[in-house]
N, C-alpha and C. Protein backbone atom coordinates (compact mmCIF):
# COMPACT_ATOMS: atom_id res chain seq x y z
N MET A 1 0.82 -1.17 0.02
CA MET A 1 -0.05 0.00 0.00
C MET A 1 0.89 1.17 0.03
N ARG A 2 0.66 2.12 -0.96
CA ARG A 2 1.61 3.24 -1.00
C ARG A 2 0.75 4.25 -2.11
N CYS A 3 1.12 5.44 -2.13
CA CYS A 3 0.37 6.41 -2.96
C CYS A 3 1.05 6.29 -4.38
N ASP A 4 0.30 6.86 -5.30
CA ASP A 4 0.61 6.62 -6.73
C ASP A 4 1.91 7.37 -7.20
N TYR A 5 2.21 8.52 -6.70
CA TYR A 5 3.45 9.23 -7.16
C TYR A 5 4.10 10.01 -6.10
N VAL A 6 5.42 10.17 -6.16
CA VAL A 6 6.18 11.05 -5.27
C VAL A 6 7.05 11.95 -6.14
N LEU A 7 6.75 13.18 -6.01
CA LEU A 7 7.49 14.12 -6.89
C LEU A 7 8.41 15.03 -5.84
N ILE A 8 9.68 15.01 -6.11
CA ILE A 8 10.54 15.91 -5.26
C ILE A 8 11.14 16.97 -6.07
N SER A 9 10.91 18.17 -5.57
CA SER A 9 11.23 19.43 -6.24
C SER A 9 11.31 20.65 -5.34
N ASN A 10 12.45 21.36 -5.49
CA ASN A 10 12.56 22.48 -4.63
C ASN A 10 12.41 22.38 -3.08
N GLY A 11 12.96 21.37 -2.71
CA GLY A 11 13.02 21.23 -1.21
C GLY A 11 11.68 20.59 -0.60
N ALA A 12 10.87 20.09 -1.53
CA ALA A 12 9.56 19.47 -0.89
C ALA A 12 9.23 18.14 -1.57
N ALA A 13 8.66 17.25 -0.98
CA ALA A 13 8.15 16.01 -1.47
C ALA A 13 6.57 15.99 -1.51
N TYR A 14 6.13 15.86 -2.81
CA TYR A 14 4.82 15.82 -3.08
C TYR A 14 4.14 14.42 -3.08
N PHE A 15 3.45 13.98 -2.23
CA PHE A 15 2.91 12.75 -2.30
C PHE A 15 1.49 12.76 -2.99
N MET A 16 1.28 12.17 -4.08
CA MET A 16 0.04 12.22 -4.83
C MET A 16 -0.57 10.96 -5.13
N GLU A 17 -1.90 10.96 -4.82
CA GLU A 17 -2.80 9.95 -5.13
C GLU A 17 -3.74 10.30 -6.26
N LEU A 18 -3.98 9.58 -7.15
CA LEU A 18 -5.05 9.91 -8.30
C LEU A 18 -6.16 8.84 -8.25
N LYS A 19 -7.27 9.50 -8.51
CA LYS A 19 -8.55 8.68 -8.46
C LYS A 19 -9.48 9.12 -9.58
N SER A 20 -10.23 8.38 -10.17
CA SER A 20 -11.15 8.68 -11.33
C SER A 20 -12.50 9.04 -10.99
N SER A 21 -12.93 8.69 -9.80
CA SER A 21 -14.40 8.87 -9.34
C SER A 21 -14.59 10.27 -8.90
N ARG A 22 -15.75 10.85 -9.20
CA ARG A 22 -16.14 12.05 -8.89
C ARG A 22 -16.33 12.17 -7.25
N LYS A 23 -16.65 11.20 -6.63
CA LYS A 23 -16.74 11.39 -5.25
C LYS A 23 -15.56 10.80 -4.49
N SER A 24 -14.38 10.94 -5.01
CA SER A 24 -13.16 10.32 -4.53
C SER A 24 -12.81 11.03 -3.19
N GLU A 25 -13.17 12.24 -3.10
CA GLU A 25 -12.77 13.13 -1.89
C GLU A 25 -13.50 12.44 -0.66
N ILE A 26 -14.74 11.92 -0.81
CA ILE A 26 -15.35 11.23 0.22
C ILE A 26 -15.08 9.71 0.24
N ARG A 27 -15.25 9.15 -0.79
CA ARG A 27 -15.19 7.60 -0.87
C ARG A 27 -13.77 7.13 -0.55
N TYR A 28 -12.71 7.83 -0.97
CA TYR A 28 -11.45 7.15 -0.66
C TYR A 28 -10.61 7.92 0.32
N HIS A 29 -11.29 8.87 1.08
CA HIS A 29 -10.53 9.57 2.12
C HIS A 29 -9.65 8.84 3.04
N ASP A 30 -10.39 7.75 3.73
CA ASP A 30 -9.56 6.91 4.73
C ASP A 30 -8.59 6.09 4.03
N ALA A 31 -8.93 5.63 2.84
CA ALA A 31 -7.89 4.86 2.16
C ALA A 31 -6.71 5.57 1.70
N CYS A 32 -6.95 6.97 1.36
CA CYS A 32 -5.70 7.88 1.04
C CYS A 32 -4.82 8.15 2.22
N ILE A 33 -5.48 8.42 3.32
CA ILE A 33 -4.74 8.54 4.53
C ILE A 33 -3.83 7.36 4.83
N LYS A 34 -4.33 6.11 4.87
CA LYS A 34 -3.65 5.01 4.96
C LYS A 34 -2.40 4.92 4.02
N LYS A 35 -2.71 5.14 2.82
CA LYS A 35 -1.61 5.10 1.73
C LYS A 35 -0.63 6.09 2.07
N PHE A 36 -0.96 7.24 2.51
CA PHE A 36 0.01 8.41 2.76
C PHE A 36 0.82 8.18 3.93
N LYS A 37 0.24 7.47 4.99
CA LYS A 37 0.88 7.09 6.16
C LYS A 37 1.89 6.04 5.83
N ALA A 38 1.45 5.03 5.02
CA ALA A 38 2.38 4.13 4.51
C ALA A 38 3.64 4.69 3.87
N VAL A 39 3.47 5.62 3.02
CA VAL A 39 4.58 6.08 2.29
C VAL A 39 5.57 6.81 3.22
N GLU A 40 4.95 7.51 4.30
CA GLU A 40 5.79 8.08 5.28
C GLU A 40 6.65 7.16 5.99
N CYS A 41 6.15 5.92 6.35
CA CYS A 41 6.82 4.85 6.86
C CYS A 41 8.01 4.45 5.88
N LEU A 42 7.70 4.28 4.57
CA LEU A 42 8.74 3.86 3.57
C LEU A 42 9.78 4.81 3.44
N THR A 43 9.40 6.13 3.41
CA THR A 43 10.45 7.17 3.27
C THR A 43 11.47 7.32 4.46
N GLY A 44 10.79 6.94 5.70
CA GLY A 44 11.64 6.88 6.93
C GLY A 44 12.46 5.75 6.81
N TYR A 45 12.14 4.51 6.21
CA TYR A 45 13.00 3.28 6.11
C TYR A 45 14.09 3.66 5.10
N ILE A 46 13.69 4.41 4.06
CA ILE A 46 14.71 4.61 2.96
C ILE A 46 15.85 5.60 3.63
N ASP A 47 15.49 6.63 4.43
CA ASP A 47 16.32 7.31 5.13
C ASP A 47 17.27 6.67 6.06
N GLY A 48 16.56 5.70 6.76
CA GLY A 48 17.31 4.84 7.76
C GLY A 48 18.43 3.99 6.98
N VAL A 49 18.16 3.40 5.96
CA VAL A 49 19.08 2.59 5.17
C VAL A 49 20.07 3.32 4.53
N THR A 50 19.76 4.51 4.04
CA THR A 50 20.88 5.29 3.44
C THR A 50 21.85 5.91 4.47
N GLU A 51 21.26 6.13 5.54
CA GLU A 51 22.18 6.60 6.72
C GLU A 51 23.09 5.45 7.20
N ALA A 52 22.50 4.22 7.37
CA ALA A 52 23.08 3.08 8.08
C ALA A 52 24.15 2.38 7.08
N PHE A 53 23.81 2.29 5.80
CA PHE A 53 24.66 1.59 4.96
C PHE A 53 25.61 2.33 3.99
N TYR A 54 25.15 3.52 3.72
CA TYR A 54 25.88 4.47 2.80
C TYR A 54 26.45 5.50 3.53
N ASP A 55 26.28 5.84 4.76
CA ASP A 55 26.89 6.93 5.49
C ASP A 55 26.53 8.24 4.82
N THR A 56 25.30 8.51 4.36
CA THR A 56 24.84 9.66 3.73
C THR A 56 23.73 10.34 4.50
N GLU A 57 23.42 11.67 4.16
CA GLU A 57 22.43 12.25 4.86
C GLU A 57 21.07 11.81 4.47
N SER A 58 19.96 11.93 5.19
CA SER A 58 18.73 11.56 4.80
C SER A 58 18.18 12.27 3.59
N ILE A 59 17.50 11.42 2.79
CA ILE A 59 16.93 12.07 1.62
C ILE A 59 15.58 12.86 1.91
N PHE A 60 14.68 12.24 2.68
CA PHE A 60 13.48 12.78 2.88
C PHE A 60 13.34 13.56 4.21
N PHE A 61 14.13 13.35 5.07
CA PHE A 61 13.92 14.01 6.49
C PHE A 61 13.76 15.54 6.55
N ASN A 62 14.62 16.16 5.66
CA ASN A 62 14.60 17.55 5.65
C ASN A 62 13.68 18.27 4.53
N LEU A 63 13.10 17.32 3.86
CA LEU A 63 12.07 17.92 2.69
C LEU A 63 10.72 18.19 3.51
N LYS A 64 10.17 19.40 2.99
CA LYS A 64 8.76 19.68 3.44
C LYS A 64 7.77 18.61 2.76
N ARG A 65 6.81 18.29 3.31
CA ARG A 65 5.93 17.26 2.88
C ARG A 65 4.60 17.76 2.43
N ARG A 66 4.09 17.42 1.33
CA ARG A 66 2.83 17.86 0.94
C ARG A 66 1.99 16.57 0.31
N PHE A 67 0.70 16.60 0.82
CA PHE A 67 -0.11 15.41 0.34
C PHE A 67 -1.31 15.80 -0.44
N VAL A 68 -1.50 15.20 -1.64
CA VAL A 68 -2.55 15.76 -2.49
C VAL A 68 -3.22 14.58 -3.14
N LEU A 69 -4.62 14.66 -3.10
CA LEU A 69 -5.48 13.66 -3.82
C LEU A 69 -6.11 14.48 -5.05
N PHE A 70 -5.83 13.96 -6.25
CA PHE A 70 -6.38 14.61 -7.38
C PHE A 70 -7.47 13.59 -7.74
N TYR A 71 -8.62 14.18 -8.15
CA TYR A 71 -9.76 13.32 -8.57
C TYR A 71 -10.62 13.92 -9.68
N LYS A 72 -11.33 13.26 -10.43
CA LYS A 72 -12.03 13.64 -11.43
C LYS A 72 -13.13 14.79 -10.99
N ALA A 73 -13.16 15.98 -11.53
CA ALA A 73 -14.04 16.91 -11.18
C ALA A 73 -15.56 16.60 -11.57
N PRO A 74 -16.56 17.02 -10.84
CA PRO A 74 -17.88 17.03 -11.30
C PRO A 74 -17.97 17.93 -12.54
N SER A 75 -18.94 17.60 -13.38
CA SER A 75 -19.14 18.51 -14.58
C SER A 75 -19.84 19.83 -14.09
N ILE A 76 -20.50 19.94 -13.14
CA ILE A 76 -21.05 21.13 -12.63
C ILE A 76 -20.56 21.45 -11.29
N ASN A 77 -20.10 22.56 -11.13
CA ASN A 77 -19.55 23.02 -9.72
C ASN A 77 -20.73 23.35 -8.86
N ILE A 78 -20.89 22.59 -7.81
CA ILE A 78 -21.99 22.75 -6.80
C ILE A 78 -21.59 23.80 -5.82
N LYS A 79 -20.38 23.96 -5.55
CA LYS A 79 -19.95 25.19 -4.58
C LYS A 79 -18.75 25.82 -5.29
N THR A 80 -18.52 27.03 -4.90
CA THR A 80 -17.25 27.78 -5.43
C THR A 80 -16.20 27.26 -4.38
N THR A 81 -14.94 26.86 -5.18
CA THR A 81 -13.81 26.44 -4.34
C THR A 81 -12.75 27.42 -4.76
N SER A 82 -11.78 27.48 -3.82
CA SER A 82 -10.70 28.45 -4.09
C SER A 82 -9.52 27.50 -4.31
N ARG A 83 -8.55 28.01 -5.14
CA ARG A 83 -7.38 27.23 -5.46
C ARG A 83 -6.25 27.70 -4.46
N LYS A 84 -6.51 28.56 -3.64
CA LYS A 84 -5.42 29.06 -2.77
C LYS A 84 -5.48 28.18 -1.47
N PRO A 85 -4.44 27.82 -0.91
CA PRO A 85 -4.45 26.97 0.22
C PRO A 85 -4.87 27.80 1.46
N ALA A 86 -5.51 27.32 2.42
CA ALA A 86 -5.89 27.96 3.72
C ALA A 86 -4.56 28.00 4.50
N ASP A 87 -4.75 28.96 5.38
CA ASP A 87 -3.54 29.33 6.20
C ASP A 87 -3.10 28.24 6.90
N LYS A 88 -3.94 27.37 7.40
CA LYS A 88 -3.69 26.02 7.99
C LYS A 88 -4.84 25.17 7.74
N PRO A 89 -4.55 24.00 7.38
CA PRO A 89 -3.18 23.31 7.45
C PRO A 89 -2.64 23.40 6.10
N PHE A 90 -1.36 22.99 6.00
CA PHE A 90 -0.49 23.09 4.93
C PHE A 90 -0.44 21.98 4.15
N HIS A 91 -1.25 21.14 4.43
CA HIS A 91 -1.36 19.75 3.66
C HIS A 91 -0.14 19.05 3.99
N ASP A 92 0.51 19.09 5.13
CA ASP A 92 1.71 18.51 5.45
C ASP A 92 1.56 17.15 6.26
N LYS A 93 0.23 16.78 6.45
CA LYS A 93 -0.04 15.48 7.07
C LYS A 93 -1.04 14.78 6.39
N PRO A 94 -1.06 13.41 6.38
CA PRO A 94 -2.01 12.79 5.53
C PRO A 94 -3.45 13.08 5.89
N GLU A 95 -3.74 13.41 7.09
CA GLU A 95 -5.05 13.88 7.54
C GLU A 95 -5.50 15.20 6.95
N HIS A 96 -4.55 15.95 6.51
CA HIS A 96 -4.70 17.25 6.00
C HIS A 96 -4.50 17.37 4.66
N MET A 97 -4.68 16.30 3.78
CA MET A 97 -4.38 16.32 2.33
C MET A 97 -5.31 17.29 1.65
N LEU A 98 -4.67 17.82 0.59
CA LEU A 98 -5.48 18.62 -0.26
C LEU A 98 -6.22 17.79 -1.30
N CYS A 99 -7.59 17.95 -1.43
CA CYS A 99 -8.30 17.19 -2.39
C CYS A 99 -8.70 18.12 -3.54
N TRP A 100 -8.18 17.84 -4.72
CA TRP A 100 -8.08 18.75 -5.91
C TRP A 100 -8.82 18.12 -7.00
N PRO A 101 -10.07 18.67 -7.35
CA PRO A 101 -10.81 18.19 -8.54
C PRO A 101 -10.04 18.64 -9.77
N VAL A 102 -9.96 17.89 -10.71
CA VAL A 102 -9.32 17.95 -11.94
C VAL A 102 -10.25 17.76 -13.15
N GLY A 103 -10.33 18.94 -13.99
CA GLY A 103 -11.34 18.95 -14.97
C GLY A 103 -11.11 17.86 -16.15
N LYS A 104 -11.98 17.59 -16.90
CA LYS A 104 -11.98 16.70 -18.08
C LYS A 104 -10.82 16.84 -18.99
N ASN A 105 -10.42 18.10 -19.30
CA ASN A 105 -9.42 18.27 -20.28
C ASN A 105 -8.21 19.03 -19.73
N ALA A 106 -8.11 18.82 -18.38
CA ALA A 106 -6.89 19.51 -17.66
C ALA A 106 -5.67 18.63 -18.03
N ASP A 107 -4.63 19.40 -18.75
CA ASP A 107 -3.44 18.75 -19.05
C ASP A 107 -2.36 19.13 -17.90
N GLU A 108 -2.36 20.36 -17.22
CA GLU A 108 -1.48 20.77 -16.38
C GLU A 108 -2.16 21.02 -15.04
N VAL A 109 -1.37 20.82 -14.01
CA VAL A 109 -1.76 21.22 -12.70
C VAL A 109 -0.55 21.90 -11.99
N ASP A 110 -0.88 23.20 -11.51
CA ASP A 110 0.20 23.79 -10.85
C ASP A 110 0.08 23.70 -9.44
N ILE A 111 1.12 22.95 -8.79
CA ILE A 111 1.11 22.72 -7.44
C ILE A 111 2.17 23.59 -6.66
N SER A 112 2.64 24.60 -7.37
CA SER A 112 3.65 25.49 -6.74
C SER A 112 3.14 26.22 -5.54
N PHE A 113 1.84 26.45 -5.39
CA PHE A 113 1.40 27.21 -4.25
C PHE A 113 1.49 26.28 -2.93
N LEU A 114 1.67 24.98 -3.04
CA LEU A 114 1.81 24.10 -1.93
C LEU A 114 3.10 24.29 -1.29
N ALA A 115 4.13 24.82 -1.81
CA ALA A 115 5.46 24.76 -1.33
C ALA A 115 5.54 25.61 0.08
């Protein structure tokens, strides 16, 4: 059990889960938390192995962590949503993941505001 993607960029690790259901934010919320927690354990293990066997610095320990669930957006917006993150949380814990609906023809997603 682990998330779909990990992107490391500019001092941050972005843990991403992709779902195709329109109700993924509700339907897969608990499962995504478990996957994100599992990947936290895995990154801790990777850091431990690199320190113990290769005598190098941790890879993930000093990185900011961001957790994002991307899911298929409904065709009609029921409520207005903001693309700006709230002051808190910073999506730095699995329980505070950002759930982001992605439109039908969205080719690019800008996650730079999560840094």
